[in-house]
């Protein structure tokens, strides 16, 4: 993915999800310790501060993963940052039956379909 950044953009990598999970854990610790003592606006300012600190080229992929709001940190903790960043990555059986395609007969090699 790193060699195709111009085509794909900054695609989060495994270490970015691990880092985002650690940031979410730290935010949850803050919320558990102080969240009940602060206002919603103050919590949003904490989230904005964290996002501003991470707004560096080295951590730009992590910013794509983290929630925009402090309230959504719980969702990251519950499901992990990978699942949070791709909420529709698991589909119901009904959805798969309607929209899915069988790939049992796919083979490795050049396409035989004319370009």
N, C-alpha and C. Protein backbone atom coordinates (compact mmCIF):
# COMPACT_ATOMS: atom_id res chain seq x y z
N UNK A 1 0.81 -1.20 0.00
CA UNK A 1 0.00 0.00 0.00
C UNK A 1 0.86 1.26 0.00
N UNK A 2 1.97 1.21 0.70
CA UNK A 2 2.79 2.40 0.80
C UNK A 2 3.34 2.83 -0.54
N UNK A 3 3.60 1.88 -1.44
CA UNK A 3 4.12 2.24 -2.75
C UNK A 3 3.03 2.80 -3.66
N UNK A 4 1.77 2.64 -3.28
CA UNK A 4 0.66 3.12 -4.10
C UNK A 4 -0.12 4.24 -3.43
N UNK A 5 0.55 5.01 -2.60
CA UNK A 5 -0.12 6.11 -1.89
C UNK A 5 -0.75 7.11 -2.84
N UNK A 6 -0.08 7.37 -3.97
CA UNK A 6 -0.64 8.33 -4.94
C UNK A 6 -1.96 7.85 -5.50
N UNK A 7 -2.11 6.52 -5.65
CA UNK A 7 -3.34 5.97 -6.20
C UNK A 7 -4.42 5.74 -5.15
N UNK A 8 -4.00 5.26 -3.97
CA UNK A 8 -4.96 4.83 -2.95
C UNK A 8 -5.13 5.80 -1.80
N UNK A 9 -4.23 6.77 -1.67
CA UNK A 9 -4.23 7.63 -0.50
C UNK A 9 -3.52 6.93 0.65
N UNK A 10 -3.62 7.47 1.83
CA UNK A 10 -2.99 6.89 3.00
C UNK A 10 -3.87 5.79 3.57
N UNK A 11 -3.65 4.58 3.16
CA UNK A 11 -4.42 3.44 3.63
C UNK A 11 -3.86 3.02 4.99
N UNK A 12 -4.70 2.98 6.02
CA UNK A 12 -4.21 2.57 7.35
C UNK A 12 -3.64 1.15 7.32
N UNK A 13 -2.53 0.98 8.03
CA UNK A 13 -1.86 -0.31 8.13
C UNK A 13 -2.11 -0.91 9.50
N UNK A 14 -1.69 -2.15 9.70
CA UNK A 14 -1.93 -2.83 10.97
C UNK A 14 -1.43 -2.02 12.16
N UNK A 15 -0.23 -1.46 12.04
CA UNK A 15 0.30 -0.69 13.17
C UNK A 15 -0.51 0.58 13.45
N UNK A 16 -1.17 1.12 12.43
CA UNK A 16 -2.02 2.29 12.63
C UNK A 16 -3.26 1.92 13.46
N UNK A 17 -3.83 0.75 13.19
CA UNK A 17 -4.98 0.30 13.97
C UNK A 17 -4.57 0.01 15.41
N UNK A 18 -3.40 -0.57 15.60
CA UNK A 18 -2.90 -0.83 16.95
C UNK A 18 -2.71 0.48 17.70
N UNK A 19 -2.11 1.46 17.04
CA UNK A 19 -1.89 2.77 17.65
C UNK A 19 -3.23 3.43 17.98
N UNK A 20 -4.17 3.37 17.05
CA UNK A 20 -5.50 3.97 17.28
C UNK A 20 -6.20 3.30 18.45
N UNK A 21 -6.04 1.99 18.59
CA UNK A 21 -6.63 1.29 19.74
C UNK A 21 -6.02 1.79 21.05
N UNK A 22 -4.72 2.04 21.05
CA UNK A 22 -4.07 2.57 22.26
C UNK A 22 -4.55 3.98 22.59
N UNK A 23 -4.71 4.80 21.57
CA UNK A 23 -5.23 6.16 21.78
C UNK A 23 -6.65 6.08 22.33
N UNK A 24 -7.47 5.20 21.77
CA UNK A 24 -8.85 5.04 22.25
C UNK A 24 -8.86 4.56 23.71
N UNK A 25 -7.96 3.64 24.05
CA UNK A 25 -7.86 3.19 25.45
C UNK A 25 -7.51 4.34 26.38
N UNK A 26 -6.57 5.18 25.95
CA UNK A 26 -6.17 6.33 26.77
C UNK A 26 -7.33 7.31 26.93
N UNK A 27 -8.09 7.53 25.86
CA UNK A 27 -9.25 8.42 25.94
C UNK A 27 -10.32 7.84 26.86
N UNK A 28 -10.50 6.53 26.80
CA UNK A 28 -11.48 5.90 27.69
C UNK A 28 -11.04 6.03 29.15
N UNK A 29 -9.74 5.88 29.41
CA UNK A 29 -9.23 6.06 30.78
C UNK A 29 -9.51 7.46 31.27
N UNK A 30 -9.28 8.44 30.38
CA UNK A 30 -9.58 9.83 30.73
C UNK A 30 -11.07 9.98 31.02
N UNK A 31 -11.89 9.43 30.14
CA UNK A 31 -13.34 9.56 30.30
C UNK A 31 -13.80 8.90 31.59
N UNK A 32 -13.25 7.71 31.89
CA UNK A 32 -13.63 7.02 33.12
C UNK A 32 -13.21 7.80 34.36
N UNK A 33 -12.07 8.47 34.28
CA UNK A 33 -11.56 9.21 35.45
C UNK A 33 -12.15 10.60 35.59
N UNK A 34 -12.31 11.30 34.46
CA UNK A 34 -12.69 12.72 34.53
C UNK A 34 -13.93 13.09 33.72
N UNK A 35 -14.36 12.20 32.84
CA UNK A 35 -15.47 12.53 31.94
C UNK A 35 -16.73 12.94 32.65
N UNK A 36 -17.00 12.30 33.78
CA UNK A 36 -18.22 12.63 34.52
C UNK A 36 -18.11 14.00 35.19
N UNK A 37 -16.90 14.54 35.28
CA UNK A 37 -16.69 15.83 35.94
C UNK A 37 -16.64 16.98 34.93
N UNK A 38 -16.70 16.66 33.65
CA UNK A 38 -16.56 17.69 32.62
C UNK A 38 -17.82 17.80 31.79
N UNK A 39 -17.85 18.83 31.00
CA UNK A 39 -18.99 19.04 30.10
C UNK A 39 -18.72 18.33 28.77
N UNK A 40 -19.76 18.20 28.00
CA UNK A 40 -19.63 17.60 26.67
C UNK A 40 -18.69 18.44 25.80
N UNK A 41 -18.78 19.76 25.93
CA UNK A 41 -17.89 20.65 25.17
C UNK A 41 -16.44 20.43 25.56
N UNK A 42 -16.18 20.25 26.84
CA UNK A 42 -14.80 20.02 27.30
C UNK A 42 -14.27 18.70 26.75
N UNK A 43 -15.12 17.67 26.74
CA UNK A 43 -14.70 16.39 26.19
C UNK A 43 -14.42 16.50 24.70
N UNK A 44 -15.23 17.27 23.98
CA UNK A 44 -14.98 17.48 22.56
C UNK A 44 -13.66 18.23 22.34
N UNK A 45 -13.33 19.14 23.25
CA UNK A 45 -12.06 19.85 23.14
C UNK A 45 -10.88 18.91 23.38
N UNK A 46 -11.05 17.95 24.28
CA UNK A 46 -10.01 16.94 24.50
C UNK A 46 -9.81 16.14 23.22
N UNK A 47 -10.90 15.74 22.60
CA UNK A 47 -10.80 14.97 21.35
C UNK A 47 -10.14 15.79 20.26
N UNK A 48 -10.49 17.05 20.17
CA UNK A 48 -9.87 17.93 19.18
C UNK A 48 -8.37 18.08 19.46
N UNK A 49 -8.00 18.20 20.73
CA UNK A 49 -6.60 18.30 21.10
C UNK A 49 -5.84 17.05 20.67
N UNK A 50 -6.38 15.89 20.93
CA UNK A 50 -5.73 14.63 20.54
C UNK A 50 -5.57 14.57 19.03
N UNK A 51 -6.63 14.94 18.31
CA UNK A 51 -6.55 14.90 16.84
C UNK A 51 -5.52 15.91 16.33
N UNK A 52 -5.41 17.07 16.96
CA UNK A 52 -4.41 18.06 16.55
C UNK A 52 -2.99 17.56 16.83
N UNK A 53 -2.80 16.89 17.95
CA UNK A 53 -1.48 16.35 18.27
C UNK A 53 -1.09 15.29 17.24
N UNK A 54 -2.05 14.49 16.82
CA UNK A 54 -1.77 13.43 15.86
C UNK A 54 -1.75 13.90 14.41
N UNK A 55 -2.01 15.17 14.18
CA UNK A 55 -2.10 15.70 12.82
C UNK A 55 -0.70 15.94 12.25
N UNK A 56 0.03 14.87 12.13
CA UNK A 56 1.37 14.88 11.55
C UNK A 56 1.39 13.88 10.41
N UNK A 57 2.32 14.04 9.50
CA UNK A 57 2.39 13.11 8.38
C UNK A 57 2.57 11.67 8.86
N UNK A 58 3.35 11.48 9.91
CA UNK A 58 3.64 10.14 10.40
C UNK A 58 2.41 9.45 10.98
N UNK A 59 1.43 10.21 11.42
CA UNK A 59 0.24 9.61 12.04
C UNK A 59 -1.05 9.94 11.28
N UNK A 60 -0.93 10.41 10.06
CA UNK A 60 -2.14 10.80 9.31
C UNK A 60 -3.08 9.63 9.08
N UNK A 61 -2.53 8.42 8.94
CA UNK A 61 -3.40 7.26 8.75
C UNK A 61 -4.18 6.96 10.03
N UNK A 62 -3.59 7.23 11.18
CA UNK A 62 -4.28 7.00 12.45
C UNK A 62 -5.47 7.94 12.57
N UNK A 63 -5.33 9.16 12.09
CA UNK A 63 -6.44 10.13 12.16
C UNK A 63 -7.66 9.64 11.38
N UNK A 64 -7.41 8.90 10.30
CA UNK A 64 -8.54 8.38 9.51
C UNK A 64 -9.34 7.36 10.31
N UNK A 65 -8.69 6.71 11.27
CA UNK A 65 -9.31 5.63 12.02
C UNK A 65 -10.06 6.14 13.23
N UNK A 66 -9.50 7.13 13.91
CA UNK A 66 -10.10 7.61 15.16
C UNK A 66 -11.44 8.30 14.92
N UNK A 67 -12.33 8.21 15.88
CA UNK A 67 -13.62 8.89 15.73
C UNK A 67 -13.45 10.41 15.79
N UNK A 68 -14.41 11.11 15.24
CA UNK A 68 -14.39 12.57 15.28
C UNK A 68 -14.84 13.11 16.62
N UNK A 69 -15.69 12.35 17.29
CA UNK A 69 -16.25 12.84 18.55
C UNK A 69 -15.83 11.97 19.72
N UNK A 70 -15.78 12.58 20.87
CA UNK A 70 -15.40 11.89 22.10
C UNK A 70 -16.40 10.79 22.43
N UNK A 71 -17.67 11.03 22.13
CA UNK A 71 -18.71 10.05 22.44
C UNK A 71 -18.53 8.74 21.68
N UNK A 72 -17.90 8.79 20.51
CA UNK A 72 -17.73 7.58 19.70
C UNK A 72 -16.52 6.75 20.13
N UNK A 73 -15.74 7.21 21.09
CA UNK A 73 -14.59 6.45 21.58
C UNK A 73 -15.05 5.10 22.12
N UNK A 74 -16.21 5.07 22.77
CA UNK A 74 -16.74 3.81 23.30
C UNK A 74 -16.93 2.77 22.20
N UNK A 75 -17.37 3.21 21.02
CA UNK A 75 -17.57 2.29 19.90
C UNK A 75 -16.24 1.69 19.44
N UNK A 76 -15.19 2.51 19.47
CA UNK A 76 -13.86 2.00 19.11
C UNK A 76 -13.41 0.97 20.13
N UNK A 77 -13.63 1.26 21.40
CA UNK A 77 -13.23 0.33 22.46
C UNK A 77 -14.00 -0.99 22.34
N UNK A 78 -15.30 -0.91 22.09
CA UNK A 78 -16.14 -2.11 22.00
C UNK A 78 -15.77 -3.00 20.83
N UNK A 79 -15.49 -2.39 19.69
CA UNK A 79 -15.32 -3.16 18.46
C UNK A 79 -13.90 -3.18 17.92
N UNK A 80 -13.03 -2.32 18.42
CA UNK A 80 -11.70 -2.18 17.85
C UNK A 80 -11.70 -1.16 16.73
N UNK A 81 -10.58 -0.53 16.51
CA UNK A 81 -10.51 0.54 15.51
C UNK A 81 -10.71 0.03 14.09
N UNK A 82 -10.25 -1.20 13.81
CA UNK A 82 -10.43 -1.73 12.45
C UNK A 82 -11.91 -1.88 12.12
N UNK A 83 -12.68 -2.47 13.03
CA UNK A 83 -14.11 -2.64 12.80
C UNK A 83 -14.82 -1.27 12.78
N UNK A 84 -14.42 -0.37 13.67
CA UNK A 84 -15.04 0.96 13.71
C UNK A 84 -14.84 1.70 12.39
N UNK A 85 -13.63 1.59 11.82
CA UNK A 85 -13.34 2.34 10.60
C UNK A 85 -14.04 1.77 9.37
N UNK A 86 -14.50 0.51 9.45
CA UNK A 86 -15.22 -0.12 8.35
C UNK A 86 -16.51 -0.73 8.88
N UNK A 87 -17.49 0.11 9.24
CA UNK A 87 -18.68 -0.39 9.91
C UNK A 87 -19.51 -1.39 9.09
N UNK A 88 -19.38 -1.36 7.77
CA UNK A 88 -20.17 -2.27 6.94
C UNK A 88 -19.34 -3.46 6.47
N UNK A 89 -18.25 -3.78 7.18
CA UNK A 89 -17.38 -4.87 6.74
C UNK A 89 -17.97 -6.24 7.01
N UNK A 90 -18.94 -6.33 7.88
CA UNK A 90 -19.64 -7.60 8.12
C UNK A 90 -21.08 -7.39 7.68
N UNK A 91 -21.54 -8.27 6.82
CA UNK A 91 -22.90 -8.17 6.28
C UNK A 91 -23.74 -9.35 6.76
N UNK A 92 -25.03 -9.13 6.78
CA UNK A 92 -25.95 -10.20 7.18
C UNK A 92 -26.02 -11.25 6.08
N UNK A 93 -26.47 -12.44 6.45
CA UNK A 93 -26.64 -13.52 5.49
C UNK A 93 -27.62 -13.10 4.39
N UNK A 94 -28.67 -12.38 4.76
CA UNK A 94 -29.65 -11.92 3.77
C UNK A 94 -28.99 -10.98 2.76
N UNK A 95 -28.14 -10.08 3.24
CA UNK A 95 -27.44 -9.15 2.34
C UNK A 95 -26.55 -9.93 1.39
N UNK A 96 -25.80 -10.91 1.93
CA UNK A 96 -24.90 -11.70 1.10
C UNK A 96 -25.67 -12.50 0.05
N UNK A 97 -26.82 -13.05 0.43
CA UNK A 97 -27.62 -13.81 -0.54
C UNK A 97 -28.12 -12.92 -1.66
N UNK A 98 -28.42 -11.66 -1.35
CA UNK A 98 -28.93 -10.73 -2.36
C UNK A 98 -27.80 -10.12 -3.20
N UNK A 99 -26.70 -9.76 -2.57
CA UNK A 99 -25.66 -8.97 -3.23
C UNK A 99 -24.34 -9.71 -3.47
N UNK A 100 -24.17 -10.86 -2.84
CA UNK A 100 -22.89 -11.56 -2.94
C UNK A 100 -22.73 -12.29 -4.25
N UNK A 101 -21.50 -12.60 -4.59
CA UNK A 101 -21.18 -13.34 -5.81
C UNK A 101 -20.27 -14.51 -5.44
N UNK A 102 -20.49 -15.63 -6.03
CA UNK A 102 -19.66 -16.81 -5.80
C UNK A 102 -18.32 -16.60 -6.50
N UNK A 103 -17.25 -16.91 -5.80
CA UNK A 103 -15.91 -16.79 -6.37
C UNK A 103 -15.19 -18.14 -6.34
N UNK A 104 -15.96 -19.22 -6.29
CA UNK A 104 -15.37 -20.56 -6.22
C UNK A 104 -14.53 -20.89 -7.44
N UNK A 105 -14.87 -20.37 -8.60
CA UNK A 105 -14.18 -20.74 -9.83
C UNK A 105 -13.12 -19.75 -10.27
N UNK A 106 -12.72 -18.86 -9.39
CA UNK A 106 -11.67 -17.91 -9.75
C UNK A 106 -10.33 -18.64 -9.81
N UNK A 107 -9.49 -18.24 -10.75
CA UNK A 107 -8.18 -18.85 -10.93
C UNK A 107 -7.12 -17.75 -10.96
N UNK A 108 -5.95 -18.08 -10.51
CA UNK A 108 -4.82 -17.15 -10.56
C UNK A 108 -4.31 -17.12 -11.99
N UNK A 109 -4.07 -15.92 -12.50
CA UNK A 109 -3.51 -15.77 -13.84
C UNK A 109 -4.07 -14.55 -14.54
N UNK A 110 -3.55 -14.28 -15.72
CA UNK A 110 -4.04 -13.13 -16.49
C UNK A 110 -5.51 -13.32 -16.87
N UNK A 111 -6.22 -12.23 -16.93
CA UNK A 111 -7.62 -12.28 -17.31
C UNK A 111 -7.76 -12.74 -18.76
N UNK A 112 -8.80 -13.51 -19.01
CA UNK A 112 -9.10 -13.93 -20.39
C UNK A 112 -10.14 -13.01 -21.02
N UNK A 113 -10.60 -12.03 -20.27
CA UNK A 113 -11.58 -11.08 -20.77
C UNK A 113 -10.84 -10.01 -21.57
N UNK A 114 -11.21 -9.78 -22.83
CA UNK A 114 -10.53 -8.75 -23.64
C UNK A 114 -10.68 -7.37 -23.00
N UNK A 115 -9.62 -6.59 -23.05
CA UNK A 115 -9.63 -5.25 -22.44
C UNK A 115 -10.38 -4.27 -23.29
